[in-house]
Amino acid sequence: MFVGQDRDKTREVFFRAWRAHREGRPLEGMEKLIVQVLLRHPEYHPVLDNPEIARGRDFFSETGDANPFLHLGMHIAIEEQLSLDQPRGMRDCYRTLLEKMPDEHAVQHRIMECLGEMLWHSQRTQTPLDEKQYMRCLAQLSGNQGNEA
Protein backbone atom coordinates (compact mmCIF):
# COMPACT_ATOMS: atom_id res chain seq x y z
CA MET A 1 0.00 0.00 0.00
CA PHE A 2 1.25 3.49 -0.81
CA VAL A 3 0.58 5.01 2.60
CA GLY A 4 4.19 4.95 3.80
CA GLN A 5 5.71 4.57 7.22
CA ASP A 6 8.28 7.37 6.79
CA ARG A 7 6.39 10.66 6.73
CA ASP A 8 9.23 12.74 5.27
CA LYS A 9 10.00 10.31 2.45
CA THR A 10 6.33 9.91 1.57
CA ARG A 11 5.78 13.67 1.48
CA GLU A 12 8.88 14.15 -0.64
CA VAL A 13 7.43 11.79 -3.28
CA PHE A 14 4.38 14.07 -3.51
CA PHE A 15 6.48 17.23 -3.70
CA ARG A 16 8.74 15.76 -6.39
CA ALA A 17 5.84 14.54 -8.56
CA TRP A 18 4.00 17.86 -8.25
CA ARG A 19 7.16 19.84 -9.08
CA ALA A 20 7.78 17.69 -12.17
CA HIS A 21 4.19 18.26 -13.29
CA ARG A 22 4.35 22.02 -12.71
CA GLU A 23 7.65 22.24 -14.61
CA GLY A 24 6.25 20.19 -17.50
CA ARG A 25 8.82 17.42 -17.09
CA PRO A 26 7.88 13.85 -18.06
CA LEU A 27 6.37 11.89 -15.20
CA GLU A 28 7.81 8.51 -14.35
CA GLY A 29 6.19 5.45 -12.81
CA MET A 30 4.17 6.28 -9.72
CA GLU A 31 4.41 10.02 -10.44
CA LYS A 32 1.70 9.68 -13.09
CA LEU A 33 -0.79 8.27 -10.61
CA ILE A 34 0.21 10.77 -7.93
CA VAL A 35 -0.33 13.73 -10.27
CA GLN A 36 -3.63 12.28 -11.49
CA VAL A 37 -4.83 12.20 -7.87
CA LEU A 38 -3.37 15.64 -7.10
CA LEU A 39 -5.21 17.20 -10.02
CA ARG A 40 -8.52 16.09 -8.45
CA HIS A 41 -7.62 18.02 -5.30
CA PRO A 42 -6.91 21.67 -6.12
CA GLU A 43 -7.46 22.54 -2.46
CA TYR A 44 -4.11 20.87 -1.71
CA HIS A 45 -2.11 22.58 -4.44
CA PRO A 46 -1.00 25.45 -2.15
CA VAL A 47 0.42 22.88 0.29
CA LEU A 48 2.34 21.18 -2.52
CA ASP A 49 3.55 24.50 -3.88
CA ASN A 50 5.16 25.28 -0.49
CA PRO A 51 7.11 22.18 0.51
CA GLU A 52 9.36 24.15 2.87
CA ILE A 53 6.31 24.96 5.01
CA ALA A 54 4.39 21.69 4.59
CA ARG A 55 7.31 19.27 4.85
CA GLY A 56 7.41 19.07 8.64
CA ARG A 57 3.92 20.29 9.44
CA ASP A 58 1.67 18.25 11.67
CA PHE A 59 -2.00 17.99 10.78
CA PHE A 60 -4.51 17.34 13.56
CA SER A 61 -7.92 15.99 12.60
CA GLU A 62 -9.21 16.90 16.07
CA THR A 63 -8.93 20.58 15.08
CA GLY A 64 -10.44 20.03 11.63
CA ASP A 65 -7.00 20.22 10.02
CA ALA A 66 -7.17 17.45 7.38
CA ASN A 67 -3.87 15.82 6.48
CA PRO A 68 -3.60 16.22 2.70
CA PHE A 69 -0.83 13.62 2.46
CA LEU A 70 -2.90 10.99 4.23
CA HIS A 71 -5.94 11.82 2.12
CA LEU A 72 -4.00 11.72 -1.16
CA GLY A 73 -2.14 8.58 -0.07
CA MET A 74 -5.44 6.83 0.62
CA HIS A 75 -6.66 7.72 -2.88
CA ILE A 76 -3.47 6.21 -4.28
CA ALA A 77 -3.85 3.11 -2.10
CA ILE A 78 -7.40 2.65 -3.39
CA GLU A 79 -6.21 3.05 -7.00
CA GLU A 80 -3.55 0.39 -6.35
CA GLN A 81 -6.09 -1.94 -4.73
CA LEU A 82 -8.39 -1.55 -7.73
CA SER A 83 -5.61 -2.21 -10.23
CA LEU A 84 -4.72 -5.46 -8.45
CA ASP A 85 -8.23 -6.38 -7.26
CA GLN A 86 -6.62 -6.70 -3.86
CA PRO A 87 -8.25 -7.55 -1.57
CA ARG A 88 -10.02 -9.92 -3.92
CA GLY A 89 -13.48 -8.59 -4.74
CA MET A 90 -12.47 -4.93 -4.40
CA ARG A 91 -13.25 -4.19 -8.06
CA ASP A 92 -16.71 -5.73 -7.83
CA CYS A 93 -17.56 -3.60 -4.78
CA TYR A 94 -16.24 -0.55 -6.60
CA ARG A 95 -18.35 -1.26 -9.70
CA THR A 96 -21.44 -1.76 -7.56
CA LEU A 97 -20.82 1.53 -5.80
CA LEU A 98 -20.36 3.27 -9.17
CA GLU A 99 -23.78 2.01 -10.25
CA LYS A 100 -25.30 3.71 -7.22
CA MET A 101 -23.10 6.81 -7.31
CA PRO A 102 -21.56 7.51 -10.74
CA ASP A 103 -18.98 9.99 -9.41
CA GLU A 104 -15.70 8.02 -9.13
CA HIS A 105 -14.16 10.55 -6.76
CA ALA A 106 -17.18 10.40 -4.43
CA VAL A 107 -17.05 6.59 -4.52
CA GLN A 108 -13.40 6.65 -3.51
CA HIS A 109 -14.26 8.94 -0.62
CA ARG A 110 -16.85 6.41 0.57
CA ILE A 111 -14.27 3.61 0.28
CA MET A 112 -11.87 5.82 2.21
CA GLU A 113 -14.24 5.71 5.17
CA CYS A 114 -13.70 1.94 5.36
CA LEU A 115 -9.98 2.16 4.64
CA GLY A 116 -9.49 4.87 7.26
CA GLU A 117 -11.32 2.82 9.86
CA MET A 118 -9.22 -0.25 9.03
CA LEU A 119 -5.96 1.74 9.14
CA TRP A 120 -6.90 3.29 12.46
CA HIS A 121 -7.72 -0.12 13.93
CA SER A 122 -4.53 -1.65 12.52
CA GLN A 123 -2.37 1.10 14.02
CA ARG A 124 -4.19 1.03 17.33
CA THR A 125 -3.85 -2.74 17.73
CA GLN A 126 -0.45 -3.01 16.00
CA THR A 127 -1.86 -5.70 13.71
CA PRO A 128 -2.00 -6.04 9.92
CA LEU A 129 -4.95 -4.60 8.03
CA ASP A 130 -7.91 -6.96 8.40
CA GLU A 131 -8.85 -7.55 4.76
CA LYS A 132 -11.98 -9.52 5.63
CA GLN A 133 -13.29 -6.73 7.84
CA TYR A 134 -12.37 -4.19 5.15
CA MET A 135 -14.34 -6.16 2.55
CA ARG A 136 -17.30 -6.47 4.95
CA CYS A 137 -17.28 -2.70 5.32
CA LEU A 138 -17.15 -2.24 1.53
CA ALA A 139 -19.93 -4.79 1.07
CA GLN A 140 -22.10 -2.81 3.47
CA LEU A 141 -21.43 0.35 1.46
CA SER A 142 -22.33 -1.36 -1.77
CA GLY A 143 -25.35 -3.20 -0.37
CA ASN A 144 -23.82 -6.64 -0.99
CA GLN A 145 -23.79 -7.84 2.63
CA GLY A 146 -24.28 -11.43 1.54
CA ASN A 147 -21.28 -11.37 -0.82
CA GLU A 148 -18.47 -10.28 1.45
CA ALA A 149 -15.20 -12.19 1.57
C-alpha atoms as a PDB file:
ATOM      1  CA  MET A   1       0.000   0.000   0.000  1.00  0.00           C
ATOM      2  CA  PHE A   2       1.245   3.485  -0.812  1.00  0.00           C
ATOM      3  CA  VAL A   3       0.581   5.011   2.597  1.00  0.00           C
ATOM      4  CA  GLY A   4       4.188   4.945   3.800  1.00  0.00           C
ATOM      5  CA  GLN A   5       5.710   4.574   7.220  1.00  0.00           C
ATOM      6  CA  ASP A   6       8.276   7.370   6.791  1.00  0.00           C
ATOM      7  CA  ARG A   7       6.393  10.658   6.726  1.00  0.00           C
ATOM      8  CA  ASP A   8       9.234  12.738   5.271  1.00  0.00           C
ATOM      9  CA  LYS A   9       9.996  10.310   2.449  1.00  0.00           C
ATOM     10  CA  THR A  10       6.327   9.912   1.573  1.00  0.00           C
ATOM     11  CA  ARG A  11       5.778  13.666   1.481  1.00  0.00           C
ATOM     12  CA  GLU A  12       8.879  14.146  -0.645  1.00  0.00           C
ATOM     13  CA  VAL A  13       7.428  11.791  -3.276  1.00  0.00           C
ATOM     14  CA  PHE A  14       4.378  14.065  -3.515  1.00  0.00           C
ATOM     15  CA  PHE A  15       6.477  17.228  -3.704  1.00  0.00           C
ATOM     16  CA  ARG A  16       8.745  15.756  -6.386  1.00  0.00           C
ATOM     17  CA  ALA A  17       5.843  14.544  -8.558  1.00  0.00           C
ATOM     18  CA  TRP A  18       4.005  17.856  -8.247  1.00  0.00           C
ATOM     19  CA  ARG A  19       7.158  19.839  -9.076  1.00  0.00           C
ATOM     20  CA  ALA A  20       7.778  17.692 -12.173  1.00  0.00           C
ATOM     21  CA  HIS A  21       4.186  18.260 -13.285  1.00  0.00           C
ATOM     22  CA  ARG A  22       4.350  22.024 -12.709  1.00  0.00           C
ATOM     23  CA  GLU A  23       7.650  22.239 -14.612  1.00  0.00           C
ATOM     24  CA  GLY A  24       6.254  20.189 -17.504  1.00  0.00           C
ATOM     25  CA  ARG A  25       8.815  17.415 -17.090  1.00  0.00           C
ATOM     26  CA  PRO A  26       7.881  13.851 -18.058  1.00  0.00           C
ATOM     27  CA  LEU A  27       6.370  11.894 -15.203  1.00  0.00           C
ATOM     28  CA  GLU A  28       7.810   8.510 -14.353  1.00  0.00           C
ATOM     29  CA  GLY A  29       6.195   5.452 -12.814  1.00  0.00           C
ATOM     30  CA  MET A  30       4.167   6.275  -9.723  1.00  0.00           C
ATOM     31  CA  GLU A  31       4.414  10.020 -10.435  1.00  0.00           C
ATOM     32  CA  LYS A  32       1.703   9.678 -13.093  1.00  0.00           C
ATOM     33  CA  LEU A  33      -0.789   8.267 -10.606  1.00  0.00           C
ATOM     34  CA  ILE A  34       0.211  10.767  -7.935  1.00  0.00           C
ATOM     35  CA  VAL A  35      -0.335  13.726 -10.266  1.00  0.00           C
ATOM     36  CA  GLN A  36      -3.634  12.276 -11.491  1.00  0.00           C
ATOM     37  CA  VAL A  37      -4.833  12.198  -7.868  1.00  0.00           C
ATOM     38  CA  LEU A  38      -3.366  15.636  -7.102  1.00  0.00           C
ATOM     39  CA  LEU A  39      -5.215  17.200 -10.019  1.00  0.00           C
ATOM     40  CA  ARG A  40      -8.520  16.085  -8.453  1.00  0.00           C
ATOM     41  CA  HIS A  41      -7.623  18.017  -5.301  1.00  0.00           C
ATOM     42  CA  PRO A  42      -6.911  21.666  -6.122  1.00  0.00           C
ATOM     43  CA  GLU A  43      -7.462  22.535  -2.463  1.00  0.00           C
ATOM     44  CA  TYR A  44      -4.111  20.865  -1.711  1.00  0.00           C
ATOM     45  CA  HIS A  45      -2.107  22.579  -4.443  1.00  0.00           C
ATOM     46  CA  PRO A  46      -1.003  25.452  -2.154  1.00  0.00           C
ATOM     47  CA  VAL A  47       0.415  22.880   0.287  1.00  0.00           C
ATOM     48  CA  LEU A  48       2.340  21.179  -2.522  1.00  0.00           C
ATOM     49  CA  ASP A  49       3.549  24.505  -3.883  1.00  0.00           C
ATOM     50  CA  ASN A  50       5.157  25.276  -0.494  1.00  0.00           C
ATOM     51  CA  PRO A  51       7.108  22.180   0.506  1.00  0.00           C
ATOM     52  CA  GLU A  52       9.362  24.153   2.866  1.00  0.00           C
ATOM     53  CA  ILE A  53       6.310  24.959   5.009  1.00  0.00           C
ATOM     54  CA  ALA A  54       4.386  21.688   4.589  1.00  0.00           C
ATOM     55  CA  ARG A  55       7.311  19.268   4.847  1.00  0.00           C
ATOM     56  CA  GLY A  56       7.414  19.071   8.642  1.00  0.00           C
ATOM     57  CA  ARG A  57       3.923  20.291   9.437  1.00  0.00           C
ATOM     58  CA  ASP A  58       1.666  18.252  11.668  1.00  0.00           C
ATOM     59  CA  PHE A  59      -2.004  17.991  10.780  1.00  0.00           C
ATOM     60  CA  PHE A  60      -4.505  17.344  13.557  1.00  0.00           C
ATOM     61  CA  SER A  61      -7.921  15.985  12.605  1.00  0.00           C
ATOM     62  CA  GLU A  62      -9.205  16.905  16.071  1.00  0.00           C
ATOM     63  CA  THR A  63      -8.933  20.575  15.082  1.00  0.00           C
ATOM     64  CA  GLY A  64     -10.435  20.029  11.628  1.00  0.00           C
ATOM     65  CA  ASP A  65      -7.001  20.215  10.022  1.00  0.00           C
ATOM     66  CA  ALA A  66      -7.170  17.453   7.384  1.00  0.00           C
ATOM     67  CA  ASN A  67      -3.871  15.820   6.479  1.00  0.00           C
ATOM     68  CA  PRO A  68      -3.595  16.221   2.698  1.00  0.00           C
ATOM     69  CA  PHE A  69      -0.832  13.622   2.457  1.00  0.00           C
ATOM     70  CA  LEU A  70      -2.896  10.985   4.229  1.00  0.00           C
ATOM     71  CA  HIS A  71      -5.941  11.823   2.116  1.00  0.00           C
ATOM     72  CA  LEU A  72      -3.999  11.716  -1.158  1.00  0.00           C
ATOM     73  CA  GLY A  73      -2.144   8.579  -0.066  1.00  0.00           C
ATOM     74  CA  MET A  74      -5.440   6.833   0.619  1.00  0.00           C
ATOM     75  CA  HIS A  75      -6.664   7.718  -2.879  1.00  0.00           C
ATOM     76  CA  ILE A  76      -3.473   6.215  -4.284  1.00  0.00           C
ATOM     77  CA  ALA A  77      -3.847   3.105  -2.100  1.00  0.00           C
ATOM     78  CA  ILE A  78      -7.397   2.651  -3.394  1.00  0.00           C
ATOM     79  CA  GLU A  79      -6.207   3.045  -6.997  1.00  0.00           C
ATOM     80  CA  GLU A  80      -3.553   0.387  -6.354  1.00  0.00           C
ATOM     81  CA  GLN A  81      -6.090  -1.940  -4.733  1.00  0.00           C
ATOM     82  CA  LEU A  82      -8.393  -1.547  -7.729  1.00  0.00           C
ATOM     83  CA  SER A  83      -5.607  -2.208 -10.235  1.00  0.00           C
ATOM     84  CA  LEU A  84      -4.722  -5.463  -8.445  1.00  0.00           C
ATOM     85  CA  ASP A  85      -8.226  -6.381  -7.261  1.00  0.00           C
ATOM     86  CA  GLN A  86      -6.624  -6.703  -3.859  1.00  0.00           C
ATOM     87  CA  PRO A  87      -8.249  -7.554  -1.572  1.00  0.00           C
ATOM     88  CA  ARG A  88     -10.024  -9.920  -3.918  1.00  0.00           C
ATOM     89  CA  GLY A  89     -13.481  -8.593  -4.735  1.00  0.00           C
ATOM     90  CA  MET A  90     -12.474  -4.933  -4.404  1.00  0.00           C
ATOM     91  CA  ARG A  91     -13.247  -4.191  -8.062  1.00  0.00           C
ATOM     92  CA  ASP A  92     -16.709  -5.731  -7.828  1.00  0.00           C
ATOM     93  CA  CYS A  93     -17.556  -3.605  -4.782  1.00  0.00           C
ATOM     94  CA  TYR A  94     -16.236  -0.546  -6.596  1.00  0.00           C
ATOM     95  CA  ARG A  95     -18.354  -1.260  -9.700  1.00  0.00           C
ATOM     96  CA  THR A  96     -21.435  -1.758  -7.562  1.00  0.00           C
ATOM     97  CA  LEU A  97     -20.821   1.535  -5.796  1.00  0.00           C
ATOM     98  CA  LEU A  98     -20.357   3.269  -9.170  1.00  0.00           C
ATOM     99  CA  GLU A  99     -23.784   2.015 -10.251  1.00  0.00           C
ATOM    100  CA  LYS A 100     -25.299   3.713  -7.216  1.00  0.00           C
ATOM    101  CA  MET A 101     -23.100   6.807  -7.307  1.00  0.00           C
ATOM    102  CA  PRO A 102     -21.564   7.511 -10.742  1.00  0.00           C
ATOM    103  CA  ASP A 103     -18.979   9.992  -9.414  1.00  0.00           C
ATOM    104  CA  GLU A 104     -15.699   8.024  -9.128  1.00  0.00           C
ATOM    105  CA  HIS A 105     -14.165  10.551  -6.765  1.00  0.00           C
ATOM    106  CA  ALA A 106     -17.178  10.396  -4.429  1.00  0.00           C
ATOM    107  CA  VAL A 107     -17.053   6.587  -4.523  1.00  0.00           C
ATOM    108  CA  GLN A 108     -13.396   6.652  -3.511  1.00  0.00           C
ATOM    109  CA  HIS A 109     -14.265   8.941  -0.616  1.00  0.00           C
ATOM    110  CA  ARG A 110     -16.850   6.406   0.572  1.00  0.00           C
ATOM    111  CA  ILE A 111     -14.270   3.614   0.280  1.00  0.00           C
ATOM    112  CA  MET A 112     -11.870   5.825   2.208  1.00  0.00           C
ATOM    113  CA  GLU A 113     -14.244   5.710   5.168  1.00  0.00           C
ATOM    114  CA  CYS A 114     -13.699   1.943   5.364  1.00  0.00           C
ATOM    115  CA  LEU A 115      -9.982   2.156   4.644  1.00  0.00           C
ATOM    116  CA  GLY A 116      -9.493   4.866   7.256  1.00  0.00           C
ATOM    117  CA  GLU A 117     -11.319   2.817   9.861  1.00  0.00           C
ATOM    118  CA  MET A 118      -9.224  -0.251   9.031  1.00  0.00           C
ATOM    119  CA  LEU A 119      -5.956   1.736   9.135  1.00  0.00           C
ATOM    120  CA  TRP A 120      -6.904   3.293  12.464  1.00  0.00           C
ATOM    121  CA  HIS A 121      -7.717  -0.124  13.929  1.00  0.00           C
ATOM    122  CA  SER A 122      -4.535  -1.651  12.517  1.00  0.00           C
ATOM    123  CA  GLN A 123      -2.371   1.099  14.019  1.00  0.00           C
ATOM    124  CA  ARG A 124      -4.192   1.031  17.327  1.00  0.00           C
ATOM    125  CA  THR A 125      -3.848  -2.741  17.731  1.00  0.00           C
ATOM    126  CA  GLN A 126      -0.447  -3.010  16.004  1.00  0.00           C
ATOM    127  CA  THR A 127      -1.863  -5.698  13.711  1.00  0.00           C
ATOM    128  CA  PRO A 128      -1.998  -6.039   9.919  1.00  0.00           C
ATOM    129  CA  LEU A 129      -4.950  -4.601   8.032  1.00  0.00           C
ATOM    130  CA  ASP A 130      -7.907  -6.961   8.400  1.00  0.00           C
ATOM    131  CA  GLU A 131      -8.852  -7.549   4.756  1.00  0.00           C
ATOM    132  CA  LYS A 132     -11.977  -9.524   5.632  1.00  0.00           C
ATOM    133  CA  GLN A 133     -13.288  -6.730   7.838  1.00  0.00           C
ATOM    134  CA  TYR A 134     -12.369  -4.193   5.146  1.00  0.00           C
ATOM    135  CA  MET A 135     -14.339  -6.163   2.553  1.00  0.00           C
ATOM    136  CA  ARG A 136     -17.301  -6.466   4.947  1.00  0.00           C
ATOM    137  CA  CYS A 137     -17.284  -2.698   5.322  1.00  0.00           C
ATOM    138  CA  LEU A 138     -17.152  -2.244   1.527  1.00  0.00           C
ATOM    139  CA  ALA A 139     -19.925  -4.794   1.065  1.00  0.00           C
ATOM    140  CA  GLN A 140     -22.104  -2.806   3.472  1.00  0.00           C
ATOM    141  CA  LEU A 141     -21.432   0.353   1.463  1.00  0.00           C
ATOM    142  CA  SER A 142     -22.332  -1.364  -1.775  1.00  0.00           C
ATOM    143  CA  GLY A 143     -25.355  -3.196  -0.371  1.00  0.00           C
ATOM    144  CA  ASN A 144     -23.820  -6.644  -0.986  1.00  0.00           C
ATOM    145  CA  GLN A 145     -23.789  -7.841   2.626  1.00  0.00           C
ATOM    146  CA  GLY A 146     -24.280 -11.428   1.539  1.00  0.00           C
ATOM    147  CA  ASN A 147     -21.275 -11.371  -0.821  1.00  0.00           C
ATOM    148  CA  GLU A 148     -18.466 -10.284   1.455  1.00  0.00           C
ATOM    149  CA  ALA A 149     -15.200 -12.189   1.565  1.00  0.00           C
END
